C-alpha atoms as a PDB file:
ATOM      1  CA  UNK A   1     105.782  62.849  31.415  1.00  0.00           C
ATOM      2  CA  UNK A   2     105.763  61.901  34.993  1.00  0.00           C
ATOM      3  CA  UNK A   3     102.286  62.144  36.629  1.00  0.00           C
ATOM      4  CA  UNK A   4     102.152  62.193  40.545  1.00  0.00           C
ATOM      5  CA  UNK A   5      99.053  61.116  42.476  1.00  0.00           C
ATOM      6  CA  UNK A   6      99.654  62.593  45.856  1.00  0.00           C
ATOM      7  CA  UNK A   7      97.018  61.825  48.420  1.00  0.00           C
ATOM      8  CA  UNK A   8      97.065  61.888  52.206  1.00  0.00           C
ATOM      9  CA  UNK A   9      93.797  60.046  52.050  1.00  0.00           C
ATOM     10  CA  UNK A  10      94.323  57.640  49.147  1.00  0.00           C
ATOM     11  CA  UNK A  11      92.077  56.655  46.230  1.00  0.00           C
ATOM     12  CA  UNK A  12      90.786  53.068  46.479  1.00  0.00           C
ATOM     13  CA  UNK A  13      93.323  50.628  45.115  1.00  0.00           C
ATOM     14  CA  UNK A  14      90.941  49.715  42.268  1.00  0.00           C
ATOM     15  CA  UNK A  15      90.669  53.418  41.299  1.00  0.00           C
ATOM     16  CA  UNK A  16      94.484  53.828  41.378  1.00  0.00           C
ATOM     17  CA  UNK A  17      94.797  50.730  39.058  1.00  0.00           C
ATOM     18  CA  UNK A  18      92.342  52.268  36.573  1.00  0.00           C
ATOM     19  CA  UNK A  19      94.170  55.607  36.799  1.00  0.00           C
ATOM     20  CA  UNK A  20      97.375  54.007  36.082  1.00  0.00           C
ATOM     21  CA  UNK A  21      95.943  52.284  33.021  1.00  0.00           C
ATOM     22  CA  UNK A  22      94.604  55.647  31.668  1.00  0.00           C
ATOM     23  CA  UNK A  23      98.037  57.400  32.381  1.00  0.00           C
ATOM     24  CA  UNK A  24      99.898  54.552  30.598  1.00  0.00           C
ATOM     25  CA  UNK A  25      97.532  54.887  27.704  1.00  0.00           C
ATOM     26  CA  UNK A  26      98.703  58.475  27.353  1.00  0.00           C
ATOM     27  CA  UNK A  27     102.291  57.331  27.257  1.00  0.00           C
ATOM     28  CA  UNK A  28     103.081  58.739  30.681  1.00  0.00           C
ATOM     29  CA  UNK A  29     104.589  57.428  33.886  1.00  0.00           C
ATOM     30  CA  UNK A  30     102.701  57.136  37.157  1.00  0.00           C
ATOM     31  CA  UNK A  31     104.393  58.238  40.454  1.00  0.00           C
ATOM     32  CA  UNK A  32     102.500  57.473  43.569  1.00  0.00           C
ATOM     33  CA  UNK A  33     102.734  59.169  47.043  1.00  0.00           C
ATOM     34  CA  UNK A  34     100.006  58.009  49.474  1.00  0.00           C
ATOM     35  CA  UNK A  35      99.342  58.497  53.221  1.00  0.00           C
ATOM     36  CA  UNK A  36     102.141  61.104  53.542  1.00  0.00           C
ATOM     37  CA  UNK A  37     102.375  62.502  56.961  1.00  0.00           C
ATOM     38  CA  UNK A  38     104.656  65.533  56.376  1.00  0.00           C
ATOM     39  CA  UNK A  39     104.633  68.403  53.821  1.00  0.00           C
ATOM     40  CA  UNK A  40     108.334  67.731  53.116  1.00  0.00           C
ATOM     41  CA  UNK A  41     107.397  64.433  51.491  1.00  0.00           C
ATOM     42  CA  UNK A  42     105.083  66.209  49.157  1.00  0.00           C
ATOM     43  CA  UNK A  43     107.644  68.877  48.358  1.00  0.00           C
ATOM     44  CA  UNK A  44     110.288  66.178  47.543  1.00  0.00           C
ATOM     45  CA  UNK A  45     107.695  64.242  45.428  1.00  0.00           C
ATOM     46  CA  UNK A  46     106.615  67.130  43.236  1.00  0.00           C
ATOM     47  CA  UNK A  47     110.239  68.177  42.276  1.00  0.00           C
ATOM     48  CA  UNK A  48     110.451  66.001  39.237  1.00  0.00           C
ATOM     49  CA  UNK A  49     106.977  65.739  37.872  1.00  0.00           C
ATOM     50  CA  UNK A  50     104.997  67.488  35.175  1.00  0.00           C
ATOM     51  CA  UNK A  51     101.519  66.783  36.401  1.00  0.00           C
ATOM     52  CA  UNK A  52      99.895  66.343  39.775  1.00  0.00           C
ATOM     53  CA  UNK A  53      96.548  64.684  40.843  1.00  0.00           C
ATOM     54  CA  UNK A  54      95.242  65.411  44.245  1.00  0.00           C
ATOM     55  CA  UNK A  55      92.097  65.058  46.422  1.00  0.00           C
ATOM     56  CA  UNK A  56      91.741  67.422  49.349  1.00  0.00           C
ATOM     57  CA  UNK A  57      95.607  67.825  49.632  1.00  0.00           C
ATOM     58  CA  UNK A  58      96.706  71.451  50.058  1.00  0.00           C
ATOM     59  CA  UNK A  59      98.805  72.777  47.182  1.00  0.00           C
ATOM     60  CA  UNK A  60     100.153  76.198  48.137  1.00  0.00           C
ATOM     61  CA  UNK A  61     102.885  78.631  46.793  1.00  0.00           C
ATOM     62  CA  UNK A  62     105.598  76.467  48.518  1.00  0.00           C
ATOM     63  CA  UNK A  63     104.551  73.340  46.641  1.00  0.00           C
ATOM     64  CA  UNK A  64     104.501  75.278  43.255  1.00  0.00           C
ATOM     65  CA  UNK A  65     107.998  76.747  44.052  1.00  0.00           C
ATOM     66  CA  UNK A  66     109.304  73.118  44.620  1.00  0.00           C
ATOM     67  CA  UNK A  67     107.619  71.812  41.442  1.00  0.00           C
ATOM     68  CA  UNK A  68     109.818  73.367  38.757  1.00  0.00           C
ATOM     69  CA  UNK A  69     108.573  71.099  35.912  1.00  0.00           C
ATOM     70  CA  UNK A  70     104.897  71.150  36.932  1.00  0.00           C
ATOM     71  CA  UNK A  71     102.436  72.126  34.074  1.00  0.00           C
ATOM     72  CA  UNK A  72      99.098  70.986  35.481  1.00  0.00           C
ATOM     73  CA  UNK A  73      97.289  70.077  38.782  1.00  0.00           C
ATOM     74  CA  UNK A  74      93.885  68.313  38.716  1.00  0.00           C
ATOM     75  CA  UNK A  75      91.866  68.306  41.822  1.00  0.00           C
ATOM     76  CA  UNK A  76      89.811  64.995  41.689  1.00  0.00           C
ATOM     77  CA  UNK A  77      86.498  66.592  42.886  1.00  0.00           C
ATOM     78  CA  UNK A  78      84.496  69.686  42.350  1.00  0.00           C
ATOM     79  CA  UNK A  79      85.881  71.959  45.068  1.00  0.00           C
ATOM     80  CA  UNK A  80      89.392  73.452  44.599  1.00  0.00           C
ATOM     81  CA  UNK A  81      89.804  75.816  47.513  1.00  0.00           C
ATOM     82  CA  UNK A  82      92.696  73.681  48.760  1.00  0.00           C
ATOM     83  CA  UNK A  83      94.729  74.918  45.740  1.00  0.00           C
ATOM     84  CA  UNK A  84      96.355  78.384  45.669  1.00  0.00           C
ATOM     85  CA  UNK A  85      95.202  79.584  42.181  1.00  0.00           C
ATOM     86  CA  UNK A  86      97.159  82.860  42.254  1.00  0.00           C
ATOM     87  CA  UNK A  87     100.342  80.936  42.980  1.00  0.00           C
ATOM     88  CA  UNK A  88      99.506  78.446  40.241  1.00  0.00           C
ATOM     89  CA  UNK A  89      99.030  81.173  37.662  1.00  0.00           C
ATOM     90  CA  UNK A  90     102.183  82.913  38.811  1.00  0.00           C
ATOM     91  CA  UNK A  91     104.089  79.652  38.078  1.00  0.00           C
ATOM     92  CA  UNK A  92     102.318  79.021  34.670  1.00  0.00           C
ATOM     93  CA  UNK A  93     100.481  75.990  36.034  1.00  0.00           C
ATOM     94  CA  UNK A  94      96.995  75.046  34.903  1.00  0.00           C
ATOM     95  CA  UNK A  95      94.603  74.017  37.631  1.00  0.00           C
ATOM     96  CA  UNK A  96      91.601  71.842  36.845  1.00  0.00           C
ATOM     97  CA  UNK A  97      88.810  70.166  38.740  1.00  0.00           C
ATOM     98  CA  UNK A  98      86.581  67.273  37.734  1.00  0.00           C
ATOM     99  CA  UNK A  99      83.053  68.699  38.061  1.00  0.00           C
ATOM    100  CA  UNK A 100      80.106  66.306  38.304  1.00  0.00           C
ATOM    101  CA  UNK A 101      82.037  63.178  39.136  1.00  0.00           C
ATOM    102  CA  UNK A 102      80.956  63.125  42.867  1.00  0.00           C
ATOM    103  CA  UNK A 103      77.605  64.879  42.341  1.00  0.00           C
ATOM    104  CA  UNK A 104      75.342  61.707  42.602  1.00  0.00           C
ATOM    105  CA  UNK A 105      77.254  60.564  45.673  1.00  0.00           C
ATOM    106  CA  UNK A 106      76.789  63.888  47.494  1.00  0.00           C
ATOM    107  CA  UNK A 107      73.052  64.051  46.385  1.00  0.00           C
ATOM    108  CA  UNK A 108      72.296  60.562  47.735  1.00  0.00           C
ATOM    109  CA  UNK A 109      73.989  61.541  51.014  1.00  0.00           C
ATOM    110  CA  UNK A 110      71.801  64.644  51.295  1.00  0.00           C
ATOM    111  CA  UNK A 111      68.604  62.612  51.041  1.00  0.00           C
ATOM    112  CA  UNK A 112      69.925  59.869  53.389  1.00  0.00           C
ATOM    113  CA  UNK A 113      70.758  62.579  56.037  1.00  0.00           C
ATOM    114  CA  UNK A 114      67.336  64.098  55.611  1.00  0.00           C
ATOM    115  CA  UNK A 115      65.556  60.877  56.067  1.00  0.00           C
ATOM    116  CA  UNK A 116      67.582  60.412  59.242  1.00  0.00           C
ATOM    117  CA  UNK A 117      66.695  63.885  60.405  1.00  0.00           C
ATOM    118  CA  UNK A 118      63.001  63.852  59.809  1.00  0.00           C
ATOM    119  CA  UNK A 119      62.797  60.385  61.547  1.00  0.00           C
ATOM    120  CA  UNK A 120      64.380  62.104  64.632  1.00  0.00           C
ATOM    121  CA  UNK A 121      67.693  60.147  64.211  1.00  0.00           C
ATOM    122  CA  UNK A 122      65.956  56.868  64.609  1.00  0.00           C
ATOM    123  CA  UNK A 123      65.412  57.499  68.316  1.00  0.00           C
ATOM    124  CA  UNK A 124      62.074  55.715  68.330  1.00  0.00           C
ATOM    125  CA  UNK A 125      59.915  58.832  68.502  1.00  0.00           C
ATOM    126  CA  UNK A 126      57.383  59.609  65.670  1.00  0.00           C
ATOM    127  CA  UNK A 127      58.832  61.757  62.932  1.00  0.00           C
ATOM    128  CA  UNK A 128      57.670  63.131  59.613  1.00  0.00           C
ATOM    129  CA  UNK A 129      57.895  62.235  55.935  1.00  0.00           C
ATOM    130  CA  UNK A 130      59.818  64.014  53.173  1.00  0.00           C
ATOM    131  CA  UNK A 131      56.827  63.642  50.665  1.00  0.00           C
ATOM    132  CA  UNK A 132      55.154  67.049  50.231  1.00  0.00           C
ATOM    133  CA  UNK A 133      57.839  69.003  51.992  1.00  0.00           C
ATOM    134  CA  UNK A 134      59.343  72.120  50.266  1.00  0.00           C
ATOM    135  CA  UNK A 135      63.121  71.595  49.640  1.00  0.00           C
ATOM    136  CA  UNK A 136      65.278  74.620  48.798  1.00  0.00           C
ATOM    137  CA  UNK A 137      68.595  74.278  46.981  1.00  0.00           C
ATOM    138  CA  UNK A 138      71.157  77.049  47.408  1.00  0.00           C
ATOM    139  CA  UNK A 139      72.956  76.672  44.056  1.00  0.00           C
ATOM    140  CA  UNK A 140      71.899  74.577  41.106  1.00  0.00           C
ATOM    141  CA  UNK A 141      75.144  73.022  39.886  1.00  0.00           C
ATOM    142  CA  UNK A 142      75.871  69.414  39.377  1.00  0.00           C
ATOM    143  CA  UNK A 143      75.116  68.359  42.980  1.00  0.00           C
ATOM    144  CA  UNK A 144      71.986  70.655  43.265  1.00  0.00           C
ATOM    145  CA  UNK A 145      70.468  69.070  40.083  1.00  0.00           C
ATOM    146  CA  UNK A 146      71.096  65.532  41.323  1.00  0.00           C
ATOM    147  CA  UNK A 147      69.501  66.452  44.615  1.00  0.00           C
ATOM    148  CA  UNK A 148      66.546  67.797  42.734  1.00  0.00           C
ATOM    149  CA  UNK A 149      66.156  64.625  40.762  1.00  0.00           C
ATOM    150  CA  UNK A 150      66.282  62.320  43.742  1.00  0.00           C
ATOM    151  CA  UNK A 151      64.095  64.620  45.906  1.00  0.00           C
ATOM    152  CA  UNK A 152      61.410  64.654  43.277  1.00  0.00           C
ATOM    153  CA  UNK A 153      61.315  60.748  43.527  1.00  0.00           C
ATOM    154  CA  UNK A 154      60.426  61.328  47.231  1.00  0.00           C
ATOM    155  CA  UNK A 155      57.591  63.544  46.182  1.00  0.00           C
ATOM    156  CA  UNK A 156      59.178  66.652  47.363  1.00  0.00           C
ATOM    157  CA  UNK A 157      58.388  70.215  46.014  1.00  0.00           C
ATOM    158  CA  UNK A 158      61.813  71.547  44.920  1.00  0.00           C
ATOM    159  CA  UNK A 159      62.929  75.233  44.799  1.00  0.00           C
ATOM    160  CA  UNK A 160      66.380  76.674  43.876  1.00  0.00           C
ATOM    161  CA  UNK A 161      68.262  79.880  43.885  1.00  0.00           C
ATOM    162  CA  UNK A 162      71.488  80.353  41.914  1.00  0.00           C
ATOM    163  CA  UNK A 163      72.911  83.688  41.132  1.00  0.00           C
ATOM    164  CA  UNK A 164      74.796  82.245  38.174  1.00  0.00           C
ATOM    165  CA  UNK A 165      72.172  79.875  36.572  1.00  0.00           C
ATOM    166  CA  UNK A 166      69.372  81.430  34.615  1.00  0.00           C
ATOM    167  CA  UNK A 167      65.842  80.801  36.002  1.00  0.00           C
ATOM    168  CA  UNK A 168      64.831  79.252  32.754  1.00  0.00           C
ATOM    169  CA  UNK A 169      67.357  76.389  33.197  1.00  0.00           C
ATOM    170  CA  UNK A 170      66.050  75.721  36.787  1.00  0.00           C
ATOM    171  CA  UNK A 171      62.370  75.746  35.636  1.00  0.00           C
ATOM    172  CA  UNK A 172      63.183  73.381  32.804  1.00  0.00           C
ATOM    173  CA  UNK A 173      64.423  70.876  35.307  1.00  0.00           C
ATOM    174  CA  UNK A 174      60.995  70.830  36.997  1.00  0.00           C
ATOM    175  CA  UNK A 175      62.193  73.106  39.870  1.00  0.00           C
ATOM    176  CA  UNK A 176      60.747  76.351  41.059  1.00  0.00           C
ATOM    177  CA  UNK A 177      63.270  79.188  40.534  1.00  0.00           C
ATOM    178  CA  UNK A 178      63.155  81.960  43.245  1.00  0.00           C
ATOM    179  CA  UNK A 179      64.413  85.479  42.743  1.00  0.00           C
ATOM    180  CA  UNK A 180      66.357  85.835  45.992  1.00  0.00           C
ATOM    181  CA  UNK A 181      68.294  83.762  48.419  1.00  0.00           C
ATOM    182  CA  UNK A 182      66.199  85.042  51.225  1.00  0.00           C
ATOM    183  CA  UNK A 183      63.043  83.819  49.535  1.00  0.00           C
ATOM    184  CA  UNK A 184      64.506  80.302  49.471  1.00  0.00           C
ATOM    185  CA  UNK A 185      64.779  80.307  53.337  1.00  0.00           C
ATOM    186  CA  UNK A 186      61.343  81.975  53.810  1.00  0.00           C
ATOM    187  CA  UNK A 187      59.510  79.427  51.542  1.00  0.00           C
ATOM    188  CA  UNK A 188      61.157  76.159  52.182  1.00  0.00           C
ATOM    189  CA  UNK A 189      60.847  73.542  54.975  1.00  0.00           C
ATOM    190  CA  UNK A 190      64.375  72.354  54.236  1.00  0.00           C
ATOM    191  CA  UNK A 191      67.312  74.320  52.786  1.00  0.00           C
ATOM    192  CA  UNK A 192      70.304  72.322  51.312  1.00  0.00           C
ATOM    193  CA  UNK A 193      73.525  74.244  50.814  1.00  0.00           C
ATOM    194  CA  UNK A 194      75.630  73.623  47.691  1.00  0.00           C
ATOM    195  CA  UNK A 195      77.572  76.968  47.364  1.00  0.00           C
ATOM    196  CA  UNK A 196      81.433  77.117  47.232  1.00  0.00           C
ATOM    197  CA  UNK A 197      83.488  78.897  49.855  1.00  0.00           C
ATOM    198  CA  UNK A 198      84.405  82.323  48.295  1.00  0.00           C
ATOM    199  CA  UNK A 199      84.833  85.745  49.848  1.00  0.00           C
ATOM    200  CA  UNK A 200      81.153  86.507  49.026  1.00  0.00           C
ATOM    201  CA  UNK A 201      79.877  83.255  50.629  1.00  0.00           C
ATOM    202  CA  UNK A 202      82.040  82.747  53.732  1.00  0.00           C
ATOM    203  CA  UNK A 203      80.033  83.186  56.855  1.00  0.00           C
ATOM    204  CA  UNK A 204      76.975  84.135  54.752  1.00  0.00           C
ATOM    205  CA  UNK A 205      74.713  81.449  56.319  1.00  0.00           C
ATOM    206  CA  UNK A 206      74.076  83.469  59.477  1.00  0.00           C
ATOM    207  CA  UNK A 207      71.542  84.208  62.052  1.00  0.00           C
ATOM    208  CA  UNK A 208      69.433  86.632  60.040  1.00  0.00           C
ATOM    209  CA  UNK A 209      69.315  84.306  57.044  1.00  0.00           C
ATOM    210  CA  UNK A 210      68.428  81.071  58.761  1.00  0.00           C
ATOM    211  CA  UNK A 211      66.004  82.711  61.099  1.00  0.00           C
ATOM    212  CA  UNK A 212      63.783  83.282  58.046  1.00  0.00           C
ATOM    213  CA  UNK A 213      62.915  79.634  57.925  1.00  0.00           C
ATOM    214  CA  UNK A 214      59.455  78.502  59.051  1.00  0.00           C
ATOM    215  CA  UNK A 215      58.907  76.537  62.240  1.00  0.00           C
ATOM    216  CA  UNK A 216      60.527  73.127  62.131  1.00  0.00           C
ATOM    217  CA  UNK A 217      62.942  74.044  59.459  1.00  0.00           C
ATOM    218  CA  UNK A 218      66.040  71.964  58.637  1.00  0.00           C
ATOM    219  CA  UNK A 219      69.303  73.369  57.353  1.00  0.00           C
ATOM    220  CA  UNK A 220      71.666  70.820  55.724  1.00  0.00           C
ATOM    221  CA  UNK A 221      75.242  71.515  54.613  1.00  0.00           C
ATOM    222  CA  UNK A 222      77.215  69.247  52.323  1.00  0.00           C
ATOM    223  CA  UNK A 223      79.165  72.051  50.703  1.00  0.00           C
ATOM    224  CA  UNK A 224      81.865  73.846  52.701  1.00  0.00           C
ATOM    225  CA  UNK A 225      82.388  74.447  56.419  1.00  0.00           C
ATOM    226  CA  UNK A 226      83.370  78.091  55.939  1.00  0.00           C
ATOM    227  CA  UNK A 227      79.984  79.196  54.568  1.00  0.00           C
ATOM    228  CA  UNK A 228      78.425  78.713  57.915  1.00  0.00           C
ATOM    229  CA  UNK A 229      78.757  81.505  60.485  1.00  0.00           C
ATOM    230  CA  UNK A 230      79.021  79.072  63.400  1.00  0.00           C
ATOM    231  CA  UNK A 231      78.634  81.402  66.352  1.00  0.00           C
ATOM    232  CA  UNK A 232      75.518  83.030  64.835  1.00  0.00           C
ATOM    233  CA  UNK A 233      73.978  79.688  64.077  1.00  0.00           C
ATOM    234  CA  UNK A 234      74.649  78.465  67.578  1.00  0.00           C
ATOM    235  CA  UNK A 235      72.800  81.545  68.920  1.00  0.00           C
ATOM    236  CA  UNK A 236      69.941  80.868  66.588  1.00  0.00           C
ATOM    237  CA  UNK A 237      69.598  77.234  67.727  1.00  0.00           C
ATOM    238  CA  UNK A 238      69.531  78.485  71.252  1.00  0.00           C
ATOM    239  CA  UNK A 239      66.837  81.014  70.453  1.00  0.00           C
ATOM    240  CA  UNK A 240      64.719  78.675  68.395  1.00  0.00           C
ATOM    241  CA  UNK A 241      64.205  75.161  69.625  1.00  0.00           C
ATOM    242  CA  UNK A 242      62.325  74.108  66.464  1.00  0.00           C
ATOM    243  CA  UNK A 243      65.311  74.236  64.086  1.00  0.00           C
ATOM    244  CA  UNK A 244      67.662  71.333  63.087  1.00  0.00           C
ATOM    245  CA  UNK A 245      71.225  71.513  61.569  1.00  0.00           C
ATOM    246  CA  UNK A 246      72.610  68.595  59.657  1.00  0.00           C
ATOM    247  CA  UNK A 247      76.117  68.623  58.132  1.00  0.00           C
ATOM    248  CA  UNK A 248      78.690  66.296  56.741  1.00  0.00           C
ATOM    249  CA  UNK A 249      81.431  68.788  57.546  1.00  0.00           C
ATOM    250  CA  UNK A 250      82.237  68.854  61.183  1.00  0.00           C
ATOM    251  CA  UNK A 251      82.078  72.425  62.444  1.00  0.00           C
ATOM    252  CA  UNK A 252      84.925  73.939  64.418  1.00  0.00           C
ATOM    253  CA  UNK A 253      82.418  74.408  67.259  1.00  0.00           C
ATOM    254  CA  UNK A 254      81.245  70.826  67.159  1.00  0.00           C
ATOM    255  CA  UNK A 255      81.235  70.380  70.894  1.00  0.00           C
ATOM    256  CA  UNK A 256      78.917  73.501  71.259  1.00  0.00           C
ATOM    257  CA  UNK A 257      76.573  72.256  68.521  1.00  0.00           C
ATOM    258  CA  UNK A 258      76.487  68.811  70.205  1.00  0.00           C
ATOM    259  CA  UNK A 259      74.666  70.425  73.072  1.00  0.00           C
ATOM    260  CA  UNK A 260      71.570  70.701  70.894  1.00  0.00           C
ATOM    261  CA  UNK A 261      70.877  66.972  71.149  1.00  0.00           C
ATOM    262  CA  UNK A 262      68.152  65.748  68.800  1.00  0.00           C
ATOM    263  CA  UNK A 263      68.499  68.861  66.658  1.00  0.00           C
ATOM    264  CA  UNK A 264      72.152  68.558  65.431  1.00  0.00           C
ATOM    265  CA  UNK A 265      74.019  65.818  63.540  1.00  0.00           C
ATOM    266  CA  UNK A 266      77.471  65.739  61.871  1.00  0.00           C
ATOM    267  CA  UNK A 267      79.282  62.812  60.123  1.00  0.00           C
ATOM    268  CA  UNK A 268      82.630  61.969  61.624  1.00  0.00           C
ATOM    269  CA  UNK A 269      84.358  63.312  58.473  1.00  0.00           C
ATOM    270  CA  UNK A 270      83.254  64.759  55.152  1.00  0.00           C
ATOM    271  CA  UNK A 271      81.377  61.865  53.493  1.00  0.00           C
ATOM    272  CA  UNK A 272      79.928  63.305  50.365  1.00  0.00           C
ATOM    273  CA  UNK A 273      82.271  61.779  47.878  1.00  0.00           C
ATOM    274  CA  UNK A 274      83.029  58.684  49.998  1.00  0.00           C
ATOM    275  CA  UNK A 275      81.686  55.992  47.571  1.00  0.00           C
ATOM    276  CA  UNK A 276      83.580  53.534  45.407  1.00  0.00           C
ATOM    277  CA  UNK A 277      81.908  54.898  42.427  1.00  0.00           C
ATOM    278  CA  UNK A 278      82.699  58.621  43.098  1.00  0.00           C
ATOM    279  CA  UNK A 279      86.328  57.659  44.048  1.00  0.00           C
ATOM    280  CA  UNK A 280      86.723  55.842  40.725  1.00  0.00           C
ATOM    281  CA  UNK A 281      84.968  58.420  38.561  1.00  0.00           C
ATOM    282  CA  UNK A 282      86.808  61.391  39.843  1.00  0.00           C
ATOM    283  CA  UNK A 283      90.288  59.725  39.711  1.00  0.00           C
ATOM    284  CA  UNK A 284      89.762  58.440  36.110  1.00  0.00           C
ATOM    285  CA  UNK A 285      88.459  61.782  35.000  1.00  0.00           C
ATOM    286  CA  UNK A 286      91.528  63.473  36.478  1.00  0.00           C
ATOM    287  CA  UNK A 287      93.885  61.067  34.562  1.00  0.00           C
ATOM    288  CA  UNK A 288      91.966  61.433  31.261  1.00  0.00           C
ATOM    289  CA  UNK A 289      92.063  65.306  31.664  1.00  0.00           C
ATOM    290  CA  UNK A 290      95.776  65.214  32.087  1.00  0.00           C
ATOM    291  CA  UNK A 291      96.236  63.009  28.973  1.00  0.00           C
ATOM    292  CA  UNK A 292      94.007  65.429  27.058  1.00  0.00           C
ATOM    293  CA  UNK A 293      96.091  68.457  28.265  1.00  0.00           C
ATOM    294  CA  UNK A 294      99.444  66.963  27.216  1.00  0.00           C
ATOM    295  CA  UNK A 295      97.964  65.425  23.857  1.00  0.00           C
ATOM    296  CA  UNK A 296      95.781  68.340  22.774  1.00  0.00           C
ATOM    297  CA  UNK A 297      96.388  71.221  24.997  1.00  0.00           C
ATOM    298  CA  UNK A 298      92.793  70.773  26.228  1.00  0.00           C
ATOM    299  CA  UNK A 299      92.047  73.016  29.273  1.00  0.00           C
ATOM    300  CA  UNK A 300      88.247  72.646  29.365  1.00  0.00           C
ATOM    301  CA  UNK A 301      87.998  72.363  33.173  1.00  0.00           C
ATOM    302  CA  UNK A 302      90.620  75.012  34.065  1.00  0.00           C
ATOM    303  CA  UNK A 303      89.655  77.041  37.144  1.00  0.00           C
ATOM    304  CA  UNK A 304      92.516  79.483  37.342  1.00  0.00           C
ATOM    305  CA  UNK A 305      93.369  82.333  34.898  1.00  0.00           C
END
C-alpha cells in the first residue's frame, strides 16, 4: 500500500524518519508531500494512494473525489474538524485521529501561559500566584486531565465540567465536578477551554457566559477559535476592565483585542502541539494506526460513521 504524508506544515524530519520506519515495518511504501502551496498539488498526490496522514491540512469532498484508492485518513492530533467526515463516509473512507498524543504539550502550554498572565506579562509590575487559585476546566478529556495533573502541582484547586464524562471519573482524578457549565464560570478564578468546535459549541463562549466570572477572572483558550464569540467577548472586555483573555489561537479580530493591552495575549500561531515530543508521538501513532488498519482491520480511533 502507498501511504501519503501530506503536510503544509511538515513534521520534524526526525518524526518523518520514525514514521517511515513504522510504515516500512508494515510492508508499505511512504510517499511524502511537504510544504505544498496549492491544493492542486494535494489533489495530484492523493490520486494513487491508499492511506493519508495529515496535520491541520484540509481534506474536503474534492480531495476524497480525487483519491479513488483511498481507504483511510489519519489526522495526527486530536482535533479533526479540518476533515469533511460526511464526504469521507460517502467515499467509504475511514477517518481517525490520534487522541492523547499532544495532550501533555498542550497542558504545559496552558500553565505556561497562565504564569505569564498572572505575572502581568512580565512587565515589571507585581502580579499574583497560581497557588490557591480555582481553575475550571471546560471538558475533561486527555488535555483537561493533563492540565489538572500539572495544575495540582502548582497547588491550584481544580474544577471541571464535561457533559460527556461522568462526575465520578472527574472526582476520582482529584478534581471537583460541577453540575453545569455556568457554575464553572461562577466559581473559578480561571477557566481553561478544552471543548471541540461543534454546532453546539461554536460561539458558545459569549458575553453572558464569561460575564459570570468573578473579579480578576482569566479566560484561556487552547482549543478552537470558533468556540469564542469574538464580538461579544470584545464588548465584555470593554465593559469589564478586570478580565483577561489568553489564547494560542489568534482571533479573527486580533487587532481589536490588541487594544486591551495588558489584558490580552495571543501566540503568533497555534502552539499547543508545537513540541518535538508531541510531533513525534502523533506522527508515529498515525503510522501505527494505519498499519493496524491494513493488517487487522482495526478502527479503534475512527471518528466518522
